Amino acid sequence: MAEDSILERQHQRERAQERQRLREQEQRDLEVEAHRGPRPLEGYAGGHTTWASAQDDAEAAIVHANDAEQSWEASQRQARLEPEPEDPDARERD
């Protein structure tokens, strides 16, 4: 019996610590999202590939031209708990 109460208190303390850690992480995320601007690449190792940077830059300019705006709009919708708009191209892909 005494051991059960000790374990329960320990689990409660662990759960409280985890909730606190998640709150702190969420607060940091919100602070980062509040400030728009360039983000550093995470985990960029600078590995060598056969893909030329000119190819990458040209493709990125086309493919990712509106990514920042779309990401910002999606973040704002998510913050307001709005559903994602329906993708008209999704019907064609299905």
PDB file of N, CA and C in Angstrom:
ATOM      1  N   MET A   1       0.811  -1.192   0.000  1.00  0.00           N
ATOM      2  CA  MET A   1       0.000   0.000   0.000  1.00  0.00           C
ATOM      3  C   MET A   1       0.856   1.258   0.000  1.00  0.00           C
ATOM      4  N   ALA A   2       1.807   1.313   0.924  1.00  0.00           N
ATOM      5  CA  ALA A   2       2.664   2.495   1.016  1.00  0.00           C
ATOM      6  C   ALA A   2       3.474   2.659  -0.260  1.00  0.00           C
ATOM      7  N   GLU A   3       3.897   1.528  -0.817  1.00  0.00           N
ATOM      8  CA  GLU A   3       4.677   1.582  -2.052  1.00  0.00           C
ATOM      9  C   GLU A   3       3.832   2.121  -3.203  1.00  0.00           C
ATOM     10  N   ASP A   4       2.546   1.746  -3.242  1.00  0.00           N
ATOM     11  CA  ASP A   4       1.648   2.248  -4.282  1.00  0.00           C
ATOM     12  C   ASP A   4       1.494   3.757  -4.197  1.00  0.00           C
ATOM     13  N   SER A   5       1.345   4.277  -3.002  1.00  0.00           N
ATOM     14  CA  SER A   5       1.190   5.731  -2.858  1.00  0.00           C
ATOM     15  C   SER A   5       2.480   6.460  -3.228  1.00  0.00           C
ATOM     16  N   ILE A   6       3.613   5.857  -2.916  1.00  0.00           N
ATOM     17  CA  ILE A   6       4.898   6.470  -3.293  1.00  0.00           C
ATOM     18  C   ILE A   6       5.036   6.491  -4.813  1.00  0.00           C
ATOM     19  N   LEU A   7       4.698   5.369  -5.452  1.00  0.00           N
ATOM     20  CA  LEU A   7       4.763   5.310  -6.915  1.00  0.00           C
ATOM     21  C   LEU A   7       3.789   6.297  -7.551  1.00  0.00           C
ATOM     22  N   GLU A   8       2.594   6.389  -6.993  1.00  0.00           N
ATOM     23  CA  GLU A   8       1.600   7.322  -7.537  1.00  0.00           C
ATOM     24  C   GLU A   8       2.084   8.764  -7.417  1.00  0.00           C
ATOM     25  N   ARG A   9       2.663   9.107  -6.273  1.00  0.00           N
ATOM     26  CA  ARG A   9       3.203  10.471  -6.110  1.00  0.00           C
ATOM     27  C   ARG A   9       4.340  10.720  -7.096  1.00  0.00           C
ATOM     28  N   GLN A  10       5.171   9.723  -7.290  1.00  0.00           N
ATOM     29  CA  GLN A  10       6.282   9.858  -8.232  1.00  0.00           C
ATOM     30  C   GLN A  10       5.744  10.060  -9.652  1.00  0.00           C
ATOM     31  N   HIS A  11       4.732   9.296 -10.022  1.00  0.00           N
ATOM     32  CA  HIS A  11       4.142   9.435 -11.359  1.00  0.00           C
ATOM     33  C   HIS A  11       3.474  10.798 -11.514  1.00  0.00           C
ATOM     34  N   GLN A  12       2.805  11.251 -10.470  1.00  0.00           N
ATOM     35  CA  GLN A  12       2.191  12.576 -10.533  1.00  0.00           C
ATOM     36  C   GLN A  12       3.253  13.647 -10.726  1.00  0.00           C
ATOM     37  N   ARG A  13       4.360  13.533  -9.995  1.00  0.00           N
ATOM     38  CA  ARG A  13       5.452  14.501 -10.129  1.00  0.00           C
ATOM     39  C   ARG A  13       6.042  14.454 -11.541  1.00  0.00           C
ATOM     40  N   GLU A  14       6.229  13.255 -12.082  1.00  0.00           N
ATOM     41  CA  GLU A  14       6.758  13.124 -13.441  1.00  0.00           C
ATOM     42  C   GLU A  14       5.804  13.730 -14.469  1.00  0.00           C
ATOM     43  N   ARG A  15       4.515  13.475 -14.300  1.00  0.00           N
ATOM     44  CA  ARG A  15       3.535  14.054 -15.222  1.00  0.00           C
ATOM     45  C   ARG A  15       3.533  15.576 -15.122  1.00  0.00           C
ATOM     46  N   ALA A  16       3.638  16.115 -13.906  1.00  0.00           N
ATOM     47  CA  ALA A  16       3.678  17.570 -13.728  1.00  0.00           C
ATOM     48  C   ALA A  16       4.928  18.149 -14.380  1.00  0.00           C
ATOM     49  N   GLN A  17       6.057  17.471 -14.230  1.00  0.00           N
ATOM     50  CA  GLN A  17       7.290  17.937 -14.855  1.00  0.00           C
ATOM     51  C   GLN A  17       7.163  17.921 -16.379  1.00  0.00           C
ATOM     52  N   GLU A  18       6.548  16.871 -16.910  1.00  0.00           N
ATOM     53  CA  GLU A  18       6.362  16.774 -18.359  1.00  0.00           C
ATOM     54  C   GLU A  18       5.437  17.880 -18.862  1.00  0.00           C
ATOM     55  N   ARG A  19       4.339  18.132 -18.136  1.00  0.00           N
ATOM     56  CA  ARG A  19       3.441  19.223 -18.527  1.00  0.00           C
ATOM     57  C   ARG A  19       4.172  20.561 -18.508  1.00  0.00           C
ATOM     58  N   GLN A  20       5.007  20.788 -17.495  1.00  0.00           N
ATOM     59  CA  GLN A  20       5.770  22.033 -17.406  1.00  0.00           C
ATOM     60  C   GLN A  20       6.746  22.143 -18.574  1.00  0.00           C
ATOM     61  N   ARG A  21       7.414  21.036 -18.892  1.00  0.00           N
ATOM     62  CA  ARG A  21       8.356  21.040 -20.024  1.00  0.00           C
ATOM     63  C   ARG A  21       7.630  21.364 -21.324  1.00  0.00           C
ATOM     64  N   LEU A  22       6.461  20.766 -21.519  1.00  0.00           N
ATOM     65  CA  LEU A  22       5.686  21.029 -22.734  1.00  0.00           C
ATOM     66  C   LEU A  22       5.197  22.475 -22.782  1.00  0.00           C
ATOM     67  N   ARG A  23       4.779  23.029 -21.632  1.00  0.00           N
ATOM     68  CA  ARG A  23       4.371  24.441 -21.597  1.00  0.00           C
ATOM     69  C   ARG A  23       5.526  25.348 -21.998  1.00  0.00           C
ATOM     70  N   GLU A  24       6.712  25.077 -21.452  1.00  0.00           N
ATOM     71  CA  GLU A  24       7.882  25.895 -21.770  1.00  0.00           C
ATOM     72  C   GLU A  24       8.236  25.784 -23.247  1.00  0.00           C
ATOM     73  N   GLN A  25       8.169  24.585 -23.782  1.00  0.00           N
ATOM     74  CA  GLN A  25       8.462  24.383 -25.199  1.00  0.00           C
ATOM     75  C   GLN A  25       7.442  25.112 -26.071  1.00  0.00           C
ATOM     76  N   GLU A  26       6.169  25.040 -25.709  1.00  0.00           N
ATOM     77  CA  GLU A  26       5.126  25.736 -26.465  1.00  0.00           C
ATOM     78  C   GLU A  26       5.339  27.251 -26.401  1.00  0.00           C
ATOM     79  N   GLN A  27       5.738  27.753 -25.232  1.00  0.00           N
ATOM     80  CA  GLN A  27       5.993  29.192 -25.098  1.00  0.00           C
ATOM     81  C   GLN A  27       7.142  29.615 -26.006  1.00  0.00           C
ATOM     82  N   ARG A  28       8.202  28.820 -26.051  1.00  0.00           N
ATOM     83  CA  ARG A  28       9.326  29.145 -26.942  1.00  0.00           C
ATOM     84  C   ARG A  28       8.865  29.130 -28.401  1.00  0.00           C
ATOM     85  N   ASP A  29       8.052  28.128 -28.758  1.00  0.00           N
ATOM     86  CA  ASP A  29       7.538  28.055 -30.126  1.00  0.00           C
ATOM     87  C   ASP A  29       6.713  29.292 -30.470  1.00  0.00           C
ATOM     88  N   LEU A  30       5.860  29.714 -29.551  1.00  0.00           N
ATOM     89  CA  LEU A  30       5.033  30.888 -29.800  1.00  0.00           C
ATOM     90  C   LEU A  30       5.879  32.149 -29.945  1.00  0.00           C
ATOM     91  N   GLU A  31       6.932  32.256 -29.151  1.00  0.00           N
ATOM     92  CA  GLU A  31       7.812  33.422 -29.258  1.00  0.00           C
ATOM     93  C   GLU A  31       8.515  33.446 -30.617  1.00  0.00           C
ATOM     94  N   VAL A  32       8.959  32.285 -31.078  1.00  0.00           N
ATOM     95  CA  VAL A  32       9.618  32.210 -32.383  1.00  0.00           C
ATOM     96  C   VAL A  32       8.631  32.555 -33.486  1.00  0.00           C
ATOM     97  N   GLU A  33       7.420  32.009 -33.416  1.00  0.00           N
ATOM     98  CA  GLU A  33       6.414  32.262 -34.448  1.00  0.00           C
ATOM     99  C   GLU A  33       5.965  33.722 -34.469  1.00  0.00           C
ATOM    100  N   ALA A  34       6.080  34.415 -33.358  1.00  0.00           N
ATOM    101  CA  ALA A  34       5.650  35.808 -33.296  1.00  0.00           C
ATOM    102  C   ALA A  34       6.590  36.726 -34.078  1.00  0.00           C
ATOM    103  N   HIS A  35       7.787  36.261 -34.341  1.00  0.00           N
ATOM    104  CA  HIS A  35       8.774  37.088 -35.043  1.00  0.00           C
ATOM    105  C   HIS A  35       9.068  36.474 -36.402  1.00  0.00           C
ATOM    106  N   ARG A  36       8.549  37.113 -37.442  1.00  0.00           N
ATOM    107  CA  ARG A  36       8.794  36.604 -38.782  1.00  0.00           C
ATOM    108  C   ARG A  36      10.186  37.008 -39.230  1.00  0.00           C
ATOM    109  N   GLY A  37      10.791  36.174 -40.010  1.00  0.00           N
ATOM    110  CA  GLY A  37      12.112  36.488 -40.528  1.00  0.00           C
ATOM    111  C   GLY A  37      12.798  35.217 -40.971  1.00  0.00           C
ATOM    112  N   PRO A  38      14.012  35.361 -41.463  1.00  0.00           N
ATOM    113  CA  PRO A  38      14.732  34.170 -41.931  1.00  0.00           C
ATOM    114  C   PRO A  38      15.039  33.230 -40.773  1.00  0.00           C
ATOM    115  N   ARG A  39      14.977  31.959 -41.057  1.00  0.00           N
ATOM    116  CA  ARG A  39      15.263  30.939 -40.055  1.00  0.00           C
ATOM    117  C   ARG A  39      16.550  30.218 -40.453  1.00  0.00           C
ATOM    118  N   PRO A  40      17.373  29.903 -39.490  1.00  0.00           N
ATOM    119  CA  PRO A  40      18.582  29.138 -39.820  1.00  0.00           C
ATOM    120  C   PRO A  40      18.208  27.722 -40.206  1.00  0.00           C
ATOM    121  N   LEU A  41      19.023  27.132 -41.037  1.00  0.00           N
ATOM    122  CA  LEU A  41      18.797  25.739 -41.399  1.00  0.00           C
ATOM    123  C   LEU A  41      19.204  24.871 -40.229  1.00  0.00           C
ATOM    124  N   GLU A  42      18.332  23.959 -39.834  1.00  0.00           N
ATOM    125  CA  GLU A  42      18.650  23.069 -38.733  1.00  0.00           C
ATOM    126  C   GLU A  42      19.228  21.783 -39.284  1.00  0.00           C
ATOM    127  N   GLY A  43      20.310  21.349 -38.716  1.00  0.00           N
ATOM    128  CA  GLY A  43      20.900  20.084 -39.111  1.00  0.00           C
ATOM    129  C   GLY A  43      21.583  20.130 -40.463  1.00  0.00           C
ATOM    130  N   TYR A  44      21.881  21.322 -40.961  1.00  0.00           N
ATOM    131  CA  TYR A  44      22.525  21.429 -42.269  1.00  0.00           C
ATOM    132  C   TYR A  44      23.968  20.963 -42.146  1.00  0.00           C
ATOM    133  N   ALA A  45      24.315  19.926 -42.859  1.00  0.00           N
ATOM    134  CA  ALA A  45      25.652  19.354 -42.747  1.00  0.00           C
ATOM    135  C   ALA A  45      26.571  19.813 -43.872  1.00  0.00           C
ATOM    136  N   GLY A  46      26.009  20.410 -44.913  1.00  0.00           N
ATOM    137  CA  GLY A  46      26.848  20.872 -46.005  1.00  0.00           C
ATOM    138  C   GLY A  46      27.442  19.735 -46.813  1.00  0.00           C
ATOM    139  N   GLY A  47      26.751  18.626 -46.859  1.00  0.00           N
ATOM    140  CA  GLY A  47      27.250  17.473 -47.599  1.00  0.00           C
ATOM    141  C   GLY A  47      27.313  17.741 -49.091  1.00  0.00           C
ATOM    142  N   HIS A  48      28.222  17.059 -49.757  1.00  0.00           N
ATOM    143  CA  HIS A  48      28.396  17.250 -51.192  1.00  0.00           C
ATOM    144  C   HIS A  48      27.426  16.376 -51.975  1.00  0.00           C
ATOM    145  N   THR A  49      26.876  16.940 -53.029  1.00  0.00           N
ATOM    146  CA  THR A  49      25.989  16.179 -53.903  1.00  0.00           C
ATOM    147  C   THR A  49      26.360  16.490 -55.341  1.00  0.00           C
ATOM    148  N   THR A  50      25.749  15.766 -56.264  1.00  0.00           N
ATOM    149  CA  THR A  50      25.967  16.049 -57.679  1.00  0.00           C
ATOM    150  C   THR A  50      24.980  17.090 -58.186  1.00  0.00           C
ATOM    151  N   TRP A  51      24.052  17.498 -57.319  1.00  0.00           N
ATOM    152  CA  TRP A  51      23.058  18.496 -57.686  1.00  0.00           C
ATOM    153  C   TRP A  51      23.702  19.870 -57.657  1.00  0.00           C
ATOM    154  N   ALA A  52      23.709  20.562 -58.770  1.00  0.00           N
ATOM    155  CA  ALA A  52      24.346  21.875 -58.844  1.00  0.00           C
ATOM    156  C   ALA A  52      23.491  22.916 -58.122  1.00  0.00           C
ATOM    157  N   SER A  53      24.148  23.837 -57.480  1.00  0.00           N
ATOM    158  CA  SER A  53      23.400  24.853 -56.738  1.00  0.00           C
ATOM    159  C   SER A  53      22.554  25.712 -57.678  1.00  0.00           C
ATOM    160  N   ALA A  54      22.986  25.892 -58.915  1.00  0.00           N
ATOM    161  CA  ALA A  54      22.185  26.669 -59.869  1.00  0.00           C
ATOM    162  C   ALA A  54      20.871  25.949 -60.158  1.00  0.00           C
ATOM    163  N   GLN A  55      20.917  24.617 -60.258  1.00  0.00           N
ATOM    164  CA  GLN A  55      19.693  23.842 -60.452  1.00  0.00           C
ATOM    165  C   GLN A  55      18.770  24.032 -59.249  1.00  0.00           C
ATOM    166  N   ASP A  56      19.348  23.938 -58.089  1.00  0.00           N
ATOM    167  CA  ASP A  56      18.572  24.061 -56.867  1.00  0.00           C
ATOM    168  C   ASP A  56      17.942  25.454 -56.762  1.00  0.00           C
ATOM    169  N   ASP A  57      18.707  26.489 -57.021  1.00  0.00           N
ATOM    170  CA  ASP A  57      18.197  27.849 -56.924  1.00  0.00           C
ATOM    171  C   ASP A  57      17.088  28.110 -57.935  1.00  0.00           C
ATOM    172  N   ALA A  58      17.273  27.649 -59.160  1.00  0.00           N
ATOM    173  CA  ALA A  58      16.258  27.870 -60.191  1.00  0.00           C
ATOM    174  C   ALA A  58      14.972  27.129 -59.855  1.00  0.00           C
ATOM    175  N   GLU A  59      15.100  25.884 -59.424  1.00  0.00           N
ATOM    176  CA  GLU A  59      13.919  25.098 -59.068  1.00  0.00           C
ATOM    177  C   GLU A  59      13.226  25.673 -57.844  1.00  0.00           C
ATOM    178  N   ALA A  60      14.009  26.072 -56.853  1.00  0.00           N
ATOM    179  CA  ALA A  60      13.435  26.613 -55.622  1.00  0.00           C
ATOM    180  C   ALA A  60      12.657  27.896 -55.886  1.00  0.00           C
ATOM    181  N   ALA A  61      13.148  28.707 -56.798  1.00  0.00           N
ATOM    182  CA  ALA A  61      12.454  29.957 -57.115  1.00  0.00           C
ATOM    183  C   ALA A  61      11.066  29.695 -57.677  1.00  0.00           C
ATOM    184  N   ILE A  62      10.911  28.582 -58.370  1.00  0.00           N
ATOM    185  CA  ILE A  62       9.606  28.238 -58.954  1.00  0.00           C
ATOM    186  C   ILE A  62       8.741  27.496 -57.939  1.00  0.00           C
ATOM    187  N   VAL A  63       9.290  26.439 -57.380  1.00  0.00           N
ATOM    188  CA  VAL A  63       8.511  25.554 -56.520  1.00  0.00           C
ATOM    189  C   VAL A  63       8.153  26.201 -55.182  1.00  0.00           C
ATOM    190  N   HIS A  64       9.077  26.943 -54.626  1.00  0.00           N
ATOM    191  CA  HIS A  64       8.888  27.456 -53.271  1.00  0.00           C
ATOM    192  C   HIS A  64       8.636  28.968 -53.231  1.00  0.00           C
ATOM    193  N   ALA A  65       8.171  29.521 -54.312  1.00  0.00           N
ATOM    194  CA  ALA A  65       8.000  30.971 -54.389  1.00  0.00           C
ATOM    195  C   ALA A  65       7.045  31.513 -53.330  1.00  0.00           C
ATOM    196  N   ASN A  66       5.995  30.786 -53.010  1.00  0.00           N
ATOM    197  CA  ASN A  66       4.989  31.292 -52.067  1.00  0.00           C
ATOM    198  C   ASN A  66       4.978  30.543 -50.742  1.00  0.00           C
ATOM    199  N   ASP A  67       5.997  29.763 -50.473  1.00  0.00           N
ATOM    200  CA  ASP A  67       6.006  28.946 -49.260  1.00  0.00           C
ATOM    201  C   ASP A  67       5.898  29.772 -47.986  1.00  0.00           C
ATOM    202  N   ALA A  68       6.643  30.866 -47.904  1.00  0.00           N
ATOM    203  CA  ALA A  68       6.640  31.664 -46.673  1.00  0.00           C
ATOM    204  C   ALA A  68       5.251  32.214 -46.384  1.00  0.00           C
ATOM    205  N   GLU A  69       4.603  32.743 -47.404  1.00  0.00           N
ATOM    206  CA  GLU A  69       3.264  33.302 -47.201  1.00  0.00           C
ATOM    207  C   GLU A  69       2.267  32.211 -46.840  1.00  0.00           C
ATOM    208  N   GLN A  70       2.336  31.083 -47.540  1.00  0.00           N
ATOM    209  CA  GLN A  70       1.419  29.984 -47.256  1.00  0.00           C
ATOM    210  C   GLN A  70       1.631  29.426 -45.850  1.00  0.00           C
ATOM    211  N   SER A  71       2.879  29.318 -45.446  1.00  0.00           N
ATOM    212  CA  SER A  71       3.180  28.818 -44.115  1.00  0.00           C
ATOM    213  C   SER A  71       2.667  29.771 -43.044  1.00  0.00           C
ATOM    214  N   TRP A  72       2.866  31.071 -43.269  1.00  0.00           N
ATOM    215  CA  TRP A  72       2.390  32.062 -42.311  1.00  0.00           C
ATOM    216  C   TRP A  72       0.861  32.025 -42.207  1.00  0.00           C
ATOM    217  N   GLU A  73       0.189  31.934 -43.331  1.00  0.00           N
ATOM    218  CA  GLU A  73      -1.277  31.864 -43.321  1.00  0.00           C
ATOM    219  C   GLU A  73      -1.755  30.594 -42.608  1.00  0.00           C
ATOM    220  N   ALA A  74      -1.092  29.479 -42.860  1.00  0.00           N
ATOM    221  CA  ALA A  74      -1.464  28.219 -42.204  1.00  0.00           C
ATOM    222  C   ALA A  74      -1.239  28.315 -40.698  1.00  0.00           C
ATOM    223  N   SER A  75      -0.151  28.951 -40.284  1.00  0.00           N
ATOM    224  CA  SER A  75       0.114  29.116 -38.854  1.00  0.00           C
ATOM    225  C   SER A  75      -0.962  29.980 -38.209  1.00  0.00           C
ATOM    226  N   GLN A  76      -1.366  31.020 -38.896  1.00  0.00           N
ATOM    227  CA  GLN A  76      -2.403  31.891 -38.358  1.00  0.00           C
ATOM    228  C   GLN A  76      -3.737  31.162 -38.251  1.00  0.00           C
ATOM    229  N   ARG A  77      -4.077  30.365 -39.276  1.00  0.00           N
ATOM    230  CA  ARG A  77      -5.314  29.573 -39.219  1.00  0.00           C
ATOM    231  C   ARG A  77      -5.256  28.585 -38.058  1.00  0.00           C
ATOM    232  N   GLN A  78      -4.126  27.953 -37.907  1.00  0.00           N
ATOM    233  CA  GLN A  78      -3.980  26.973 -36.838  1.00  0.00           C
ATOM    234  C   GLN A  78      -4.092  27.654 -35.478  1.00  0.00           C
ATOM    235  N   ALA A  79      -3.507  28.836 -35.338  1.00  0.00           N
ATOM    236  CA  ALA A  79      -3.591  29.556 -34.071  1.00  0.00           C
ATOM    237  C   ALA A  79      -5.030  29.945 -33.751  1.00  0.00           C
ATOM    238  N   ARG A  80      -5.832  30.190 -34.787  1.00  0.00           N
ATOM    239  CA  ARG A  80      -7.244  30.533 -34.582  1.00  0.00           C
ATOM    240  C   ARG A  80      -8.125  29.293 -34.583  1.00  0.00           C
ATOM    241  N   LEU A  81      -7.510  28.100 -34.697  1.00  0.00           N
ATOM    242  CA  LEU A  81      -8.213  26.818 -34.707  1.00  0.00           C
ATOM    243  C   LEU A  81      -9.219  26.730 -35.846  1.00  0.00           C
ATOM    244  N   GLU A  82      -8.880  27.316 -36.979  1.00  0.00           N
ATOM    245  CA  GLU A  82      -9.724  27.227 -38.162  1.00  0.00           C
ATOM    246  C   GLU A  82      -9.357  25.972 -38.949  1.00  0.00           C
ATOM    247  N   PRO A  83     -10.321  25.351 -39.610  1.00  0.00           N
ATOM    248  CA  PRO A  83      -9.988  24.187 -40.438  1.00  0.00           C
ATOM    249  C   PRO A  83      -9.197  24.625 -41.670  1.00  0.00           C
ATOM    250  N   GLU A  84      -8.402  23.715 -42.165  1.00  0.00           N
ATOM    251  CA  GLU A  84      -7.638  23.992 -43.375  1.00  0.00           C
ATOM    252  C   GLU A  84      -8.591  24.124 -44.553  1.00  0.00           C
ATOM    253  N   PRO A  85      -8.333  25.059 -45.467  1.00  0.00           N
ATOM    254  CA  PRO A  85      -9.199  25.160 -46.645  1.00  0.00           C
ATOM    255  C   PRO A  85      -9.026  23.928 -47.526  1.00  0.00           C
ATOM    256  N   GLU A  86     -10.079  23.591 -48.227  1.00  0.00           N
ATOM    257  CA  GLU A  86     -10.027  22.419 -49.091  1.00  0.00           C
ATOM    258  C   GLU A  86      -9.133  22.715 -50.286  1.00  0.00           C
ATOM    259  N   ASP A  87      -8.274  21.772 -50.606  1.00  0.00           N
ATOM    260  CA  ASP A  87      -7.348  21.907 -51.721  1.00  0.00           C
ATOM    261  C   ASP A  87      -8.066  21.475 -53.001  1.00  0.00           C
ATOM    262  N   PRO A  88      -8.278  22.404 -53.958  1.00  0.00           N
ATOM    263  CA  PRO A  88      -8.990  22.012 -55.172  1.00  0.00           C
ATOM    264  C   PRO A  88      -8.237  20.973 -56.001  1.00  0.00           C
ATOM    265  N   ASP A  89      -6.913  20.935 -55.884  1.00  0.00           N
ATOM    266  CA  ASP A  89      -6.118  19.965 -56.640  1.00  0.00           C
ATOM    267  C   ASP A  89      -6.202  18.571 -56.034  1.00  0.00           C
ATOM    268  N   ALA A  90      -6.626  18.479 -54.764  1.00  0.00           N
ATOM    269  CA  ALA A  90      -6.676  17.191 -54.082  1.00  0.00           C
ATOM    270  C   ALA A  90      -7.673  16.255 -54.753  1.00  0.00           C
ATOM    271  N   ARG A  91      -8.774  16.797 -55.255  1.00  0.00           N
ATOM    272  CA  ARG A  91      -9.763  15.947 -55.921  1.00  0.00           C
ATOM    273  C   ARG A  91      -9.168  15.311 -57.173  1.00  0.00           C
ATOM    274  N   GLU A  92      -8.356  16.084 -57.894  1.00  0.00           N
ATOM    275  CA  GLU A  92      -7.756  15.568 -59.127  1.00  0.00           C
ATOM    276  C   GLU A  92      -6.730  14.482 -58.828  1.00  0.00           C
ATOM    277  N   ARG A  93      -6.009  14.596 -57.687  1.00  0.00           N
ATOM    278  CA  ARG A  93      -4.999  13.615 -57.329  1.00  0.00           C
ATOM    279  C   ARG A  93      -5.628  12.325 -56.861  1.00  0.00           C
ATOM    280  N   ASP A  94      -6.825  12.385 -56.257  1.00  0.00           N
ATOM    281  CA  ASP A  94      -7.475  11.181 -55.717  1.00  0.00           C
ATOM    282  C   ASP A  94      -8.076  10.344 -56.775  1.00  0.00           C
TER     283      ASP A  94
END
